[in-house]
Amino acid sequence: MSELGPEDAKLVTLARSVRARNSAAEGAAVRDLDGRTYNASTVALPSLRLSALQAAIAAAVSSGAEGIEAAAVVTGESAVDAASLAAVRDLSASAPVFLADASGEFRKQV
C-alpha cells in the first residue's frame, strides 16, 4: 500500500479487517469530513442487499456525516460497482475510492 498515505492505508486496513471478520465478499471503510471512520461488510439478507461500500456510507449518514473525504473497498472483484460509487458521489463529488484486493494490496483509485 505504498501509494497510499497513512490515513488512506488505515481505511484499507479497516475494510480488510471487517471483510475477514465477517467472512464477507467485500469490506469497506469511509472517512467523514470530521475524520471519523465507518466500516462495514457486504449485507446479503433475503430482504436486504447492500454492497460493503453502501453499508459503510449508510453507517456514516446514520451517524450524522454530511460528507466523506475518502473510501476504501477490499474485494476480489476488479472494479467497484456503479451503485456503490453512486452512494459515494451522493456525499462527495470528488472523494477518492481506493480499491484493494483481499490481501489489502492497493490496486487502483476510482
PDB file of N, CA and C in Angstrom:
ATOM      1  N   MET A   1       0.816  -1.190   0.000  1.00  0.00           N
ATOM      2  CA  MET A   1       0.000   0.000   0.000  1.00  0.00           C
ATOM      3  C   MET A   1       0.863   1.259   0.000  1.00  0.00           C
ATOM      4  N   SER A   2       2.023   1.209  -0.562  1.00  0.00           N
ATOM      5  CA  SER A   2       2.937   2.347  -0.511  1.00  0.00           C
ATOM      6  C   SER A   2       2.409   3.563  -1.265  1.00  0.00           C
ATOM      7  N   GLU A   3       1.451   3.386  -2.166  1.00  0.00           N
ATOM      8  CA  GLU A   3       0.893   4.507  -2.907  1.00  0.00           C
ATOM      9  C   GLU A   3      -0.076   5.329  -2.066  1.00  0.00           C
ATOM     10  N   LEU A   4      -0.491   4.811  -0.931  1.00  0.00           N
ATOM     11  CA  LEU A   4      -1.474   5.475  -0.092  1.00  0.00           C
ATOM     12  C   LEU A   4      -0.796   6.152   1.089  1.00  0.00           C
ATOM     13  N   GLY A   5      -1.373   7.291   1.494  1.00  0.00           N
ATOM     14  CA  GLY A   5      -0.918   7.934   2.705  1.00  0.00           C
ATOM     15  C   GLY A   5      -1.387   7.134   3.913  1.00  0.00           C
ATOM     16  N   PRO A   6      -0.897   7.460   5.114  1.00  0.00           N
ATOM     17  CA  PRO A   6      -1.243   6.675   6.292  1.00  0.00           C
ATOM     18  C   PRO A   6      -2.738   6.645   6.619  1.00  0.00           C
ATOM     19  N   GLU A   7      -3.452   7.745   6.449  1.00  0.00           N
ATOM     20  CA  GLU A   7      -4.887   7.760   6.747  1.00  0.00           C
ATOM     21  C   GLU A   7      -5.677   6.931   5.748  1.00  0.00           C
ATOM     22  N   ASP A   8      -5.253   6.940   4.483  1.00  0.00           N
ATOM     23  CA  ASP A   8      -5.932   6.135   3.469  1.00  0.00           C
ATOM     24  C   ASP A   8      -5.593   4.657   3.634  1.00  0.00           C
ATOM     25  N   ALA A   9      -4.353   4.368   4.020  1.00  0.00           N
ATOM     26  CA  ALA A   9      -3.972   2.980   4.288  1.00  0.00           C
ATOM     27  C   ALA A   9      -4.783   2.426   5.462  1.00  0.00           C
ATOM     28  N   LYS A  10      -5.091   3.274   6.434  1.00  0.00           N
ATOM     29  CA  LYS A  10      -5.914   2.862   7.573  1.00  0.00           C
ATOM     30  C   LYS A  10      -7.299   2.426   7.097  1.00  0.00           C
ATOM     31  N   LEU A  11      -7.857   3.136   6.120  1.00  0.00           N
ATOM     32  CA  LEU A  11      -9.166   2.743   5.579  1.00  0.00           C
ATOM     33  C   LEU A  11      -9.104   1.351   4.970  1.00  0.00           C
ATOM     34  N   VAL A  12      -8.035   1.065   4.232  1.00  0.00           N
ATOM     35  CA  VAL A  12      -7.890  -0.263   3.626  1.00  0.00           C
ATOM     36  C   VAL A  12      -7.781  -1.319   4.718  1.00  0.00           C
ATOM     37  N   THR A  13      -7.017  -1.025   5.770  1.00  0.00           N
ATOM     38  CA  THR A  13      -6.867  -1.981   6.873  1.00  0.00           C
ATOM     39  C   THR A  13      -8.213  -2.249   7.541  1.00  0.00           C
ATOM     40  N   LEU A  14      -8.989  -1.201   7.797  1.00  0.00           N
ATOM     41  CA  LEU A  14     -10.315  -1.377   8.402  1.00  0.00           C
ATOM     42  C   LEU A  14     -11.229  -2.203   7.498  1.00  0.00           C
ATOM     43  N   ALA A  15     -11.204  -1.913   6.205  1.00  0.00           N
ATOM     44  CA  ALA A  15     -12.048  -2.648   5.249  1.00  0.00           C
ATOM     45  C   ALA A  15     -11.642  -4.113   5.179  1.00  0.00           C
ATOM     46  N   ARG A  16     -10.348  -4.354   5.182  1.00  0.00           N
ATOM     47  CA  ARG A  16      -9.855  -5.735   5.127  1.00  0.00           C
ATOM     48  C   ARG A  16     -10.257  -6.492   6.391  1.00  0.00           C
ATOM     49  N   SER A  17     -10.157  -5.830   7.543  1.00  0.00           N
ATOM     50  CA  SER A  17     -10.490  -6.472   8.818  1.00  0.00           C
ATOM     51  C   SER A  17     -11.960  -6.864   8.903  1.00  0.00           C
ATOM     52  N   VAL A  18     -12.853  -5.952   8.512  1.00  0.00           N
ATOM     53  CA  VAL A  18     -14.281  -6.257   8.609  1.00  0.00           C
ATOM     54  C   VAL A  18     -14.662  -7.345   7.602  1.00  0.00           C
ATOM     55  N   ARG A  19     -14.026  -7.351   6.454  1.00  0.00           N
ATOM     56  CA  ARG A  19     -14.291  -8.410   5.462  1.00  0.00           C
ATOM     57  C   ARG A  19     -13.892  -9.768   6.025  1.00  0.00           C
ATOM     58  N   ALA A  20     -12.702  -9.844   6.621  1.00  0.00           N
ATOM     59  CA  ALA A  20     -12.218 -11.107   7.175  1.00  0.00           C
ATOM     60  C   ALA A  20     -13.051 -11.539   8.384  1.00  0.00           C
ATOM     61  N   ARG A  21     -13.359 -10.603   9.266  1.00  0.00           N
ATOM     62  CA  ARG A  21     -14.112 -10.918  10.486  1.00  0.00           C
ATOM     63  C   ARG A  21     -15.484 -11.506  10.150  1.00  0.00           C
ATOM     64  N   ASN A  22     -16.121 -10.993   9.111  1.00  0.00           N
ATOM     65  CA  ASN A  22     -17.469 -11.436   8.749  1.00  0.00           C
ATOM     66  C   ASN A  22     -17.487 -12.459   7.613  1.00  0.00           C
ATOM     67  N   SER A  23     -16.316 -12.862   7.145  1.00  0.00           N
ATOM     68  CA  SER A  23     -16.217 -13.791   6.002  1.00  0.00           C
ATOM     69  C   SER A  23     -17.104 -13.322   4.855  1.00  0.00           C
ATOM     70  N   ALA A  24     -17.026 -12.031   4.566  1.00  0.00           N
ATOM     71  CA  ALA A  24     -17.893 -11.411   3.565  1.00  0.00           C
ATOM     72  C   ALA A  24     -17.204 -11.293   2.216  1.00  0.00           C
ATOM     73  N   ALA A  25     -17.992 -11.068   1.200  1.00  0.00           N
ATOM     74  CA  ALA A  25     -17.462 -10.875  -0.151  1.00  0.00           C
ATOM     75  C   ALA A  25     -16.635  -9.596  -0.244  1.00  0.00           C
ATOM     76  N   GLU A  26     -17.076  -8.556   0.480  1.00  0.00           N
ATOM     77  CA  GLU A  26     -16.385  -7.265   0.449  1.00  0.00           C
ATOM     78  C   GLU A  26     -16.345  -6.652   1.840  1.00  0.00           C
ATOM     79  N   GLY A  27     -15.364  -5.799   2.035  1.00  0.00           N
ATOM     80  CA  GLY A  27     -15.309  -4.946   3.212  1.00  0.00           C
ATOM     81  C   GLY A  27     -15.058  -3.535   2.717  1.00  0.00           C
ATOM     82  N   ALA A  28     -15.571  -2.553   3.425  1.00  0.00           N
ATOM     83  CA  ALA A  28     -15.376  -1.161   3.023  1.00  0.00           C
ATOM     84  C   ALA A  28     -15.229  -0.290   4.264  1.00  0.00           C
ATOM     85  N   ALA A  29     -14.582   0.833   4.075  1.00  0.00           N
ATOM     86  CA  ALA A  29     -14.456   1.829   5.134  1.00  0.00           C
ATOM     87  C   ALA A  29     -14.507   3.205   4.494  1.00  0.00           C
ATOM     88  N   VAL A  30     -15.086   4.161   5.214  1.00  0.00           N
ATOM     89  CA  VAL A  30     -15.143   5.546   4.753  1.00  0.00           C
ATOM     90  C   VAL A  30     -14.690   6.458   5.884  1.00  0.00           C
ATOM     91  N   ARG A  31     -14.134   7.601   5.521  1.00  0.00           N
ATOM     92  CA  ARG A  31     -13.740   8.633   6.480  1.00  0.00           C
ATOM     93  C   ARG A  31     -14.579   9.866   6.197  1.00  0.00           C
ATOM     94  N   ASP A  32     -15.272  10.374   7.223  1.00  0.00           N
ATOM     95  CA  ASP A  32     -16.120  11.534   7.013  1.00  0.00           C
ATOM     96  C   ASP A  32     -15.318  12.830   7.114  1.00  0.00           C
ATOM     97  N   LEU A  33     -15.992  13.944   6.952  1.00  0.00           N
ATOM     98  CA  LEU A  33     -15.322  15.250   6.930  1.00  0.00           C
ATOM     99  C   LEU A  33     -14.735  15.638   8.283  1.00  0.00           C
ATOM    100  N   ASP A  34     -15.168  14.970   9.358  1.00  0.00           N
ATOM    101  CA  ASP A  34     -14.625  15.220  10.693  1.00  0.00           C
ATOM    102  C   ASP A  34     -13.512  14.242  11.046  1.00  0.00           C
ATOM    103  N   GLY A  35     -13.167  13.336  10.118  1.00  0.00           N
ATOM    104  CA  GLY A  35     -12.104  12.364  10.355  1.00  0.00           C
ATOM    105  C   GLY A  35     -12.562  11.073  11.005  1.00  0.00           C
ATOM    106  N   ARG A  36     -13.869  10.931  11.262  1.00  0.00           N
ATOM    107  CA  ARG A  36     -14.391   9.694  11.833  1.00  0.00           C
ATOM    108  C   ARG A  36     -14.462   8.628  10.746  1.00  0.00           C
ATOM    109  N   THR A  37     -14.237   7.377  11.142  1.00  0.00           N
ATOM    110  CA  THR A  37     -14.283   6.284  10.173  1.00  0.00           C
ATOM    111  C   THR A  37     -15.440   5.345  10.480  1.00  0.00           C
ATOM    112  N   TYR A  38     -15.956   4.758   9.421  1.00  0.00           N
ATOM    113  CA  TYR A  38     -17.059   3.807   9.492  1.00  0.00           C
ATOM    114  C   TYR A  38     -16.700   2.647   8.582  1.00  0.00           C
ATOM    115  N   ASN A  39     -16.910   1.427   9.054  1.00  0.00           N
ATOM    116  CA  ASN A  39     -16.627   0.291   8.181  1.00  0.00           C
ATOM    117  C   ASN A  39     -17.806  -0.673   8.187  1.00  0.00           C
ATOM    118  N   ALA A  40     -17.889  -1.468   7.153  1.00  0.00           N
ATOM    119  CA  ALA A  40     -18.999  -2.414   7.008  1.00  0.00           C
ATOM    120  C   ALA A  40     -18.599  -3.489   6.007  1.00  0.00           C
ATOM    121  N   SER A  41     -19.304  -4.591   6.085  1.00  0.00           N
ATOM    122  CA  SER A  41     -19.125  -5.656   5.098  1.00  0.00           C
ATOM    123  C   SER A  41     -20.395  -5.784   4.269  1.00  0.00           C
ATOM    124  N   THR A  42     -20.334  -6.621   3.282  1.00  0.00           N
ATOM    125  CA  THR A  42     -21.479  -6.895   2.422  1.00  0.00           C
ATOM    126  C   THR A  42     -22.666  -7.364   3.267  1.00  0.00           C
ATOM    127  N   VAL A  43     -23.852  -6.870   2.952  1.00  0.00           N
ATOM    128  CA  VAL A  43     -25.079  -7.315   3.602  1.00  0.00           C
ATOM    129  C   VAL A  43     -25.844  -8.132   2.561  1.00  0.00           C
ATOM    130  N   ALA A  44     -26.055  -9.401   2.870  1.00  0.00           N
ATOM    131  CA  ALA A  44     -26.743 -10.287   1.928  1.00  0.00           C
ATOM    132  C   ALA A  44     -27.831 -11.061   2.664  1.00  0.00           C
ATOM    133  N   LEU A  45     -28.938 -10.383   2.899  1.00  0.00           N
ATOM    134  CA  LEU A  45     -30.105 -10.988   3.532  1.00  0.00           C
ATOM    135  C   LEU A  45     -31.171 -11.234   2.467  1.00  0.00           C
ATOM    136  N   PRO A  46     -32.109 -12.125   2.737  1.00  0.00           N
ATOM    137  CA  PRO A  46     -33.160 -12.341   1.749  1.00  0.00           C
ATOM    138  C   PRO A  46     -33.909 -11.055   1.386  1.00  0.00           C
ATOM    139  N   SER A  47     -34.091 -10.155   2.363  1.00  0.00           N
ATOM    140  CA  SER A  47     -34.873  -8.952   2.095  1.00  0.00           C
ATOM    141  C   SER A  47     -34.029  -7.687   1.941  1.00  0.00           C
ATOM    142  N   LEU A  48     -32.715  -7.790   2.088  1.00  0.00           N
ATOM    143  CA  LEU A  48     -31.862  -6.602   2.006  1.00  0.00           C
ATOM    144  C   LEU A  48     -30.497  -6.966   1.464  1.00  0.00           C
ATOM    145  N   ARG A  49     -30.097  -6.268   0.411  1.00  0.00           N
ATOM    146  CA  ARG A  49     -28.774  -6.467  -0.177  1.00  0.00           C
ATOM    147  C   ARG A  49     -28.092  -5.116  -0.299  1.00  0.00           C
ATOM    148  N   LEU A  50     -26.904  -5.016   0.323  1.00  0.00           N
ATOM    149  CA  LEU A  50     -26.089  -3.814   0.215  1.00  0.00           C
ATOM    150  C   LEU A  50     -24.651  -4.221  -0.019  1.00  0.00           C
ATOM    151  N   SER A  51     -23.987  -3.494  -0.887  1.00  0.00           N
ATOM    152  CA  SER A  51     -22.547  -3.705  -1.008  1.00  0.00           C
ATOM    153  C   SER A  51     -21.901  -3.198   0.273  1.00  0.00           C
ATOM    154  N   ALA A  52     -20.683  -3.585   0.514  1.00  0.00           N
ATOM    155  CA  ALA A  52     -19.970  -3.115   1.707  1.00  0.00           C
ATOM    156  C   ALA A  52     -19.860  -1.597   1.702  1.00  0.00           C
ATOM    157  N   LEU A  53     -19.599  -1.016   0.540  1.00  0.00           N
ATOM    158  CA  LEU A  53     -19.464   0.441   0.462  1.00  0.00           C
ATOM    159  C   LEU A  53     -20.806   1.129   0.738  1.00  0.00           C
ATOM    160  N   GLN A  54     -21.888   0.602   0.211  1.00  0.00           N
ATOM    161  CA  GLN A  54     -23.209   1.162   0.507  1.00  0.00           C
ATOM    162  C   GLN A  54     -23.501   1.079   2.002  1.00  0.00           C
ATOM    163  N   ALA A  55     -23.152  -0.045   2.636  1.00  0.00           N
ATOM    164  CA  ALA A  55     -23.400  -0.211   4.072  1.00  0.00           C
ATOM    165  C   ALA A  55     -22.542   0.749   4.889  1.00  0.00           C
ATOM    166  N   ALA A  56     -21.289   0.975   4.488  1.00  0.00           N
ATOM    167  CA  ALA A  56     -20.426   1.917   5.206  1.00  0.00           C
ATOM    168  C   ALA A  56     -20.935   3.347   5.051  1.00  0.00           C
ATOM    169  N   ILE A  57     -21.406   3.694   3.859  1.00  0.00           N
ATOM    170  CA  ILE A  57     -21.996   5.024   3.636  1.00  0.00           C
ATOM    171  C   ILE A  57     -23.251   5.178   4.495  1.00  0.00           C
ATOM    172  N   ALA A  58     -24.079   4.143   4.551  1.00  0.00           N
ATOM    173  CA  ALA A  58     -25.290   4.198   5.372  1.00  0.00           C
ATOM    174  C   ALA A  58     -24.933   4.396   6.844  1.00  0.00           C
ATOM    175  N   ALA A  59     -23.894   3.722   7.320  1.00  0.00           N
ATOM    176  CA  ALA A  59     -23.467   3.889   8.713  1.00  0.00           C
ATOM    177  C   ALA A  59     -23.013   5.319   8.968  1.00  0.00           C
ATOM    178  N   ALA A  60     -22.276   5.883   8.026  1.00  0.00           N
ATOM    179  CA  ALA A  60     -21.792   7.252   8.176  1.00  0.00           C
ATOM    180  C   ALA A  60     -22.960   8.238   8.207  1.00  0.00           C
ATOM    181  N   VAL A  61     -23.872   8.102   7.272  1.00  0.00           N
ATOM    182  CA  VAL A  61     -25.010   9.020   7.183  1.00  0.00           C
ATOM    183  C   VAL A  61     -25.897   8.887   8.425  1.00  0.00           C
ATOM    184  N   SER A  62     -26.121   7.660   8.871  1.00  0.00           N
ATOM    185  CA  SER A  62     -26.987   7.470  10.039  1.00  0.00           C
ATOM    186  C   SER A  62     -26.333   7.982  11.317  1.00  0.00           C
ATOM    187  N   SER A  63     -25.017   8.220  11.273  1.00  0.00           N
ATOM    188  CA  SER A  63     -24.306   8.797  12.416  1.00  0.00           C
ATOM    189  C   SER A  63     -24.146  10.309  12.293  1.00  0.00           C
ATOM    190  N   GLY A  64     -24.702  10.878  11.222  1.00  0.00           N
ATOM    191  CA  GLY A  64     -24.695  12.328  11.061  1.00  0.00           C
ATOM    192  C   GLY A  64     -23.650  12.886  10.119  1.00  0.00           C
ATOM    193  N   ALA A  65     -22.906  12.047   9.439  1.00  0.00           N
ATOM    194  CA  ALA A  65     -21.899  12.547   8.489  1.00  0.00           C
ATOM    195  C   ALA A  65     -22.582  13.301   7.356  1.00  0.00           C
ATOM    196  N   GLU A  66     -22.043  14.446   7.035  1.00  0.00           N
ATOM    197  CA  GLU A  66     -22.598  15.256   5.944  1.00  0.00           C
ATOM    198  C   GLU A  66     -21.789  15.140   4.664  1.00  0.00           C
ATOM    199  N   GLY A  67     -20.664  14.469   4.726  1.00  0.00           N
ATOM    200  CA  GLY A  67     -19.826  14.257   3.564  1.00  0.00           C
ATOM    201  C   GLY A  67     -18.719  13.294   3.913  1.00  0.00           C
ATOM    202  N   ILE A  68     -17.999  12.836   2.905  1.00  0.00           N
ATOM    203  CA  ILE A  68     -16.863  11.952   3.159  1.00  0.00           C
ATOM    204  C   ILE A  68     -15.624  12.477   2.452  1.00  0.00           C
ATOM    205  N   GLU A  69     -14.478  12.168   3.036  1.00  0.00           N
ATOM    206  CA  GLU A  69     -13.182  12.539   2.462  1.00  0.00           C
ATOM    207  C   GLU A  69     -12.641  11.456   1.548  1.00  0.00           C
ATOM    208  N   ALA A  70     -12.832  10.187   1.945  1.00  0.00           N
ATOM    209  CA  ALA A  70     -12.262   9.070   1.186  1.00  0.00           C
ATOM    210  C   ALA A  70     -12.972   7.779   1.560  1.00  0.00           C
ATOM    211  N   ALA A  71     -12.811   6.782   0.704  1.00  0.00           N
ATOM    212  CA  ALA A  71     -13.392   5.463   0.934  1.00  0.00           C
ATOM    213  C   ALA A  71     -12.431   4.396   0.417  1.00  0.00           C
ATOM    214  N   ALA A  72     -12.568   3.201   0.969  1.00  0.00           N
ATOM    215  CA  ALA A  72     -11.770   2.067   0.501  1.00  0.00           C
ATOM    216  C   ALA A  72     -12.660   0.834   0.441  1.00  0.00           C
ATOM    217  N   VAL A  73     -12.410  -0.002  -0.547  1.00  0.00           N
ATOM    218  CA  VAL A  73     -13.132  -1.261  -0.711  1.00  0.00           C
ATOM    219  C   VAL A  73     -12.110  -2.371  -0.873  1.00  0.00           C
ATOM    220  N   VAL A  74     -12.270  -3.442  -0.105  1.00  0.00           N
ATOM    221  CA  VAL A  74     -11.437  -4.637  -0.243  1.00  0.00           C
ATOM    222  C   VAL A  74     -12.331  -5.726  -0.804  1.00  0.00           C
ATOM    223  N   THR A  75     -11.939  -6.247  -1.954  1.00  0.00           N
ATOM    224  CA  THR A  75     -12.786  -7.203  -2.668  1.00  0.00           C
ATOM    225  C   THR A  75     -11.950  -8.054  -3.612  1.00  0.00           C
ATOM    226  N   GLY A  76     -12.518  -9.152  -4.036  1.00  0.00           N
ATOM    227  CA  GLY A  76     -11.906  -9.972  -5.065  1.00  0.00           C
ATOM    228  C   GLY A  76     -12.262  -9.495  -6.464  1.00  0.00           C
ATOM    229  N   GLU A  77     -13.180  -8.566  -6.556  1.00  0.00           N
ATOM    230  CA  GLU A  77     -13.604  -8.026  -7.847  1.00  0.00           C
ATOM    231  C   GLU A  77     -12.561  -7.043  -8.396  1.00  0.00           C
ATOM    232  N   SER A  78     -12.631  -6.784  -9.690  1.00  0.00           N
ATOM    233  CA  SER A  78     -11.663  -5.883 -10.324  1.00  0.00           C
ATOM    234  C   SER A  78     -12.140  -4.441 -10.390  1.00  0.00           C
ATOM    235  N   ALA A  79     -13.378  -4.197  -9.951  1.00  0.00           N
ATOM    236  CA  ALA A  79     -13.926  -2.839 -10.005  1.00  0.00           C
ATOM    237  C   ALA A  79     -14.955  -2.661  -8.897  1.00  0.00           C
ATOM    238  N   VAL A  80     -15.245  -1.406  -8.608  1.00  0.00           N
ATOM    239  CA  VAL A  80     -16.306  -1.057  -7.663  1.00  0.00           C
ATOM    240  C   VAL A  80     -17.586  -0.871  -8.472  1.00  0.00           C
ATOM    241  N   ASP A  81     -18.672  -1.475  -8.018  1.00  0.00           N
ATOM    242  CA  ASP A  81     -19.907  -1.404  -8.797  1.00  0.00           C
ATOM    243  C   ASP A  81     -20.476   0.012  -8.828  1.00  0.00           C
ATOM    244  N   ALA A  82     -21.257   0.282  -9.857  1.00  0.00           N
ATOM    245  CA  ALA A  82     -21.781   1.630 -10.102  1.00  0.00           C
ATOM    246  C   ALA A  82     -22.680   2.131  -8.976  1.00  0.00           C
ATOM    247  N   ALA A  83     -23.508   1.262  -8.401  1.00  0.00           N
ATOM    248  CA  ALA A  83     -24.400   1.694  -7.325  1.00  0.00           C
ATOM    249  C   ALA A  83     -23.614   2.120  -6.087  1.00  0.00           C
ATOM    250  N   SER A  84     -22.531   1.430  -5.810  1.00  0.00           N
ATOM    251  CA  SER A  84     -21.685   1.801  -4.668  1.00  0.00           C
ATOM    252  C   SER A  84     -21.005   3.137  -4.908  1.00  0.00           C
ATOM    253  N   LEU A  85     -20.499   3.333  -6.111  1.00  0.00           N
ATOM    254  CA  LEU A  85     -19.876   4.619  -6.443  1.00  0.00           C
ATOM    255  C   LEU A  85     -20.892   5.751  -6.392  1.00  0.00           C
ATOM    256  N   ALA A  86     -22.112   5.463  -6.798  1.00  0.00           N
ATOM    257  CA  ALA A  86     -23.162   6.490  -6.741  1.00  0.00           C
ATOM    258  C   ALA A  86     -23.438   6.906  -5.295  1.00  0.00           C
ATOM    259  N   ALA A  87     -23.405   5.951  -4.363  1.00  0.00           N
ATOM    260  CA  ALA A  87     -23.614   6.281  -2.950  1.00  0.00           C
ATOM    261  C   ALA A  87     -22.513   7.207  -2.446  1.00  0.00           C
ATOM    262  N   VAL A  88     -21.275   6.952  -2.869  1.00  0.00           N
ATOM    263  CA  VAL A  88     -20.167   7.842  -2.501  1.00  0.00           C
ATOM    264  C   VAL A  88     -20.404   9.227  -3.086  1.00  0.00           C
ATOM    265  N   ARG A  89     -20.763   9.283  -4.352  1.00  0.00           N
ATOM    266  CA  ARG A  89     -20.956  10.569  -5.035  1.00  0.00           C
ATOM    267  C   ARG A  89     -22.138  11.361  -4.480  1.00  0.00           C
ATOM    268  N   ASP A  90     -23.072  10.679  -3.838  1.00  0.00           N
ATOM    269  CA  ASP A  90     -24.161  11.397  -3.173  1.00  0.00           C
ATOM    270  C   ASP A  90     -23.628  12.286  -2.051  1.00  0.00           C
ATOM    271  N   LEU A  91     -22.510  11.897  -1.465  1.00  0.00           N
ATOM    272  CA  LEU A  91     -21.914  12.662  -0.363  1.00  0.00           C
ATOM    273  C   LEU A  91     -20.716  13.493  -0.772  1.00  0.00           C
ATOM    274  N   SER A  92     -20.060  13.125  -1.867  1.00  0.00           N
ATOM    275  CA  SER A  92     -18.884  13.869  -2.310  1.00  0.00           C
ATOM    276  C   SER A  92     -18.626  13.601  -3.784  1.00  0.00           C
ATOM    277  N   ALA A  93     -18.539  14.674  -4.536  1.00  0.00           N
ATOM    278  CA  ALA A  93     -18.278  14.537  -5.974  1.00  0.00           C
ATOM    279  C   ALA A  93     -16.834  14.149  -6.255  1.00  0.00           C
ATOM    280  N   SER A  94     -15.946  14.357  -5.291  1.00  0.00           N
ATOM    281  CA  SER A  94     -14.518  14.159  -5.580  1.00  0.00           C
ATOM    282  C   SER A  94     -13.779  13.241  -4.615  1.00  0.00           C
ATOM    283  N   ALA A  95     -14.457  12.623  -3.661  1.00  0.00           N
ATOM    284  CA  ALA A  95     -13.761  11.750  -2.711  1.00  0.00           C
ATOM    285  C   ALA A  95     -13.144  10.563  -3.446  1.00  0.00           C
ATOM    286  N   PRO A  96     -11.871  10.271  -3.189  1.00  0.00           N
ATOM    287  CA  PRO A  96     -11.268   9.105  -3.829  1.00  0.00           C
ATOM    288  C   PRO A  96     -11.818   7.814  -3.230  1.00  0.00           C
ATOM    289  N   VAL A  97     -11.935   6.808  -4.068  1.00  0.00           N
ATOM    290  CA  VAL A  97     -12.313   5.465  -3.625  1.00  0.00           C
ATOM    291  C   VAL A  97     -11.146   4.561  -3.982  1.00  0.00           C
ATOM    292  N   PHE A  98     -10.555   3.952  -2.954  1.00  0.00           N
ATOM    293  CA  PHE A  98      -9.394   3.085  -3.143  1.00  0.00           C
ATOM    294  C   PHE A  98      -9.854   1.641  -3.207  1.00  0.00           C
ATOM    295  N   LEU A  99      -9.393   0.925  -4.215  1.00  0.00           N
ATOM    296  CA  LEU A  99      -9.735  -0.479  -4.405  1.00  0.00           C
ATOM    297  C   LEU A  99      -8.520  -1.315  -4.044  1.00  0.00           C
ATOM    298  N   ALA A 100      -8.737  -2.312  -3.185  1.00  0.00           N
ATOM    299  CA  ALA A 100      -7.649  -3.202  -2.772  1.00  0.00           C
ATOM    300  C   ALA A 100      -8.118  -4.645  -2.896  1.00  0.00           C
ATOM    301  N   ASP A 101      -7.155  -5.542  -3.055  1.00  0.00           N
ATOM    302  CA  ASP A 101      -7.504  -6.960  -3.135  1.00  0.00           C
ATOM    303  C   ASP A 101      -7.643  -7.545  -1.726  1.00  0.00           C
ATOM    304  N   ALA A 102      -7.940  -8.826  -1.654  1.00  0.00           N
ATOM    305  CA  ALA A 102      -8.217  -9.471  -0.371  1.00  0.00           C
ATOM    306  C   ALA A 102      -7.045  -9.400   0.599  1.00  0.00           C
ATOM    307  N   SER A 103      -5.832  -9.283   0.092  1.00  0.00           N
ATOM    308  CA  SER A 103      -4.656  -9.186   0.961  1.00  0.00           C
ATOM    309  C   SER A 103      -4.429  -7.758   1.445  1.00  0.00           C
ATOM    310  N   GLY A 104      -5.231  -6.825   0.930  1.00  0.00           N
ATOM    311  CA  GLY A 104      -5.059  -5.424   1.298  1.00  0.00           C
ATOM    312  C   GLY A 104      -4.117  -4.666   0.383  1.00  0.00           C
ATOM    313  N   GLU A 105      -3.700  -5.318  -0.680  1.00  0.00           N
ATOM    314  CA  GLU A 105      -2.802  -4.675  -1.641  1.00  0.00           C
ATOM    315  C   GLU A 105      -3.571  -3.665  -2.485  1.00  0.00           C
ATOM    316  N   PHE A 106      -3.149  -2.428  -2.451  1.00  0.00           N
ATOM    317  CA  PHE A 106      -3.788  -1.361  -3.218  1.00  0.00           C
ATOM    318  C   PHE A 106      -3.696  -1.671  -4.698  1.00  0.00           C
ATOM    319  N   ARG A 107      -4.833  -1.597  -5.396  1.00  0.00           N
ATOM    320  CA  ARG A 107      -4.878  -1.838  -6.836  1.00  0.00           C
ATOM    321  C   ARG A 107      -5.026  -0.551  -7.631  1.00  0.00           C
ATOM    322  N   LYS A 108      -6.022   0.246  -7.262  1.00  0.00           N
ATOM    323  CA  LYS A 108      -6.238   1.476  -8.026  1.00  0.00           C
ATOM    324  C   LYS A 108      -7.155   2.413  -7.268  1.00  0.00           C
ATOM    325  N   GLN A 109      -7.160   3.657  -7.723  1.00  0.00           N
ATOM    326  CA  GLN A 109      -8.067   4.666  -7.202  1.00  0.00           C
ATOM    327  C   GLN A 109      -9.153   4.909  -8.230  1.00  0.00           C
ATOM    328  N   VAL A 110     -10.393   4.933  -7.772  1.00  0.00           N
ATOM    329  CA  VAL A 110     -11.532   5.152  -8.663  1.00  0.00           C
ATOM    330  C   VAL A 110     -11.971   6.583  -8.549  1.00  0.00           C
TER     331      VAL A 110
END
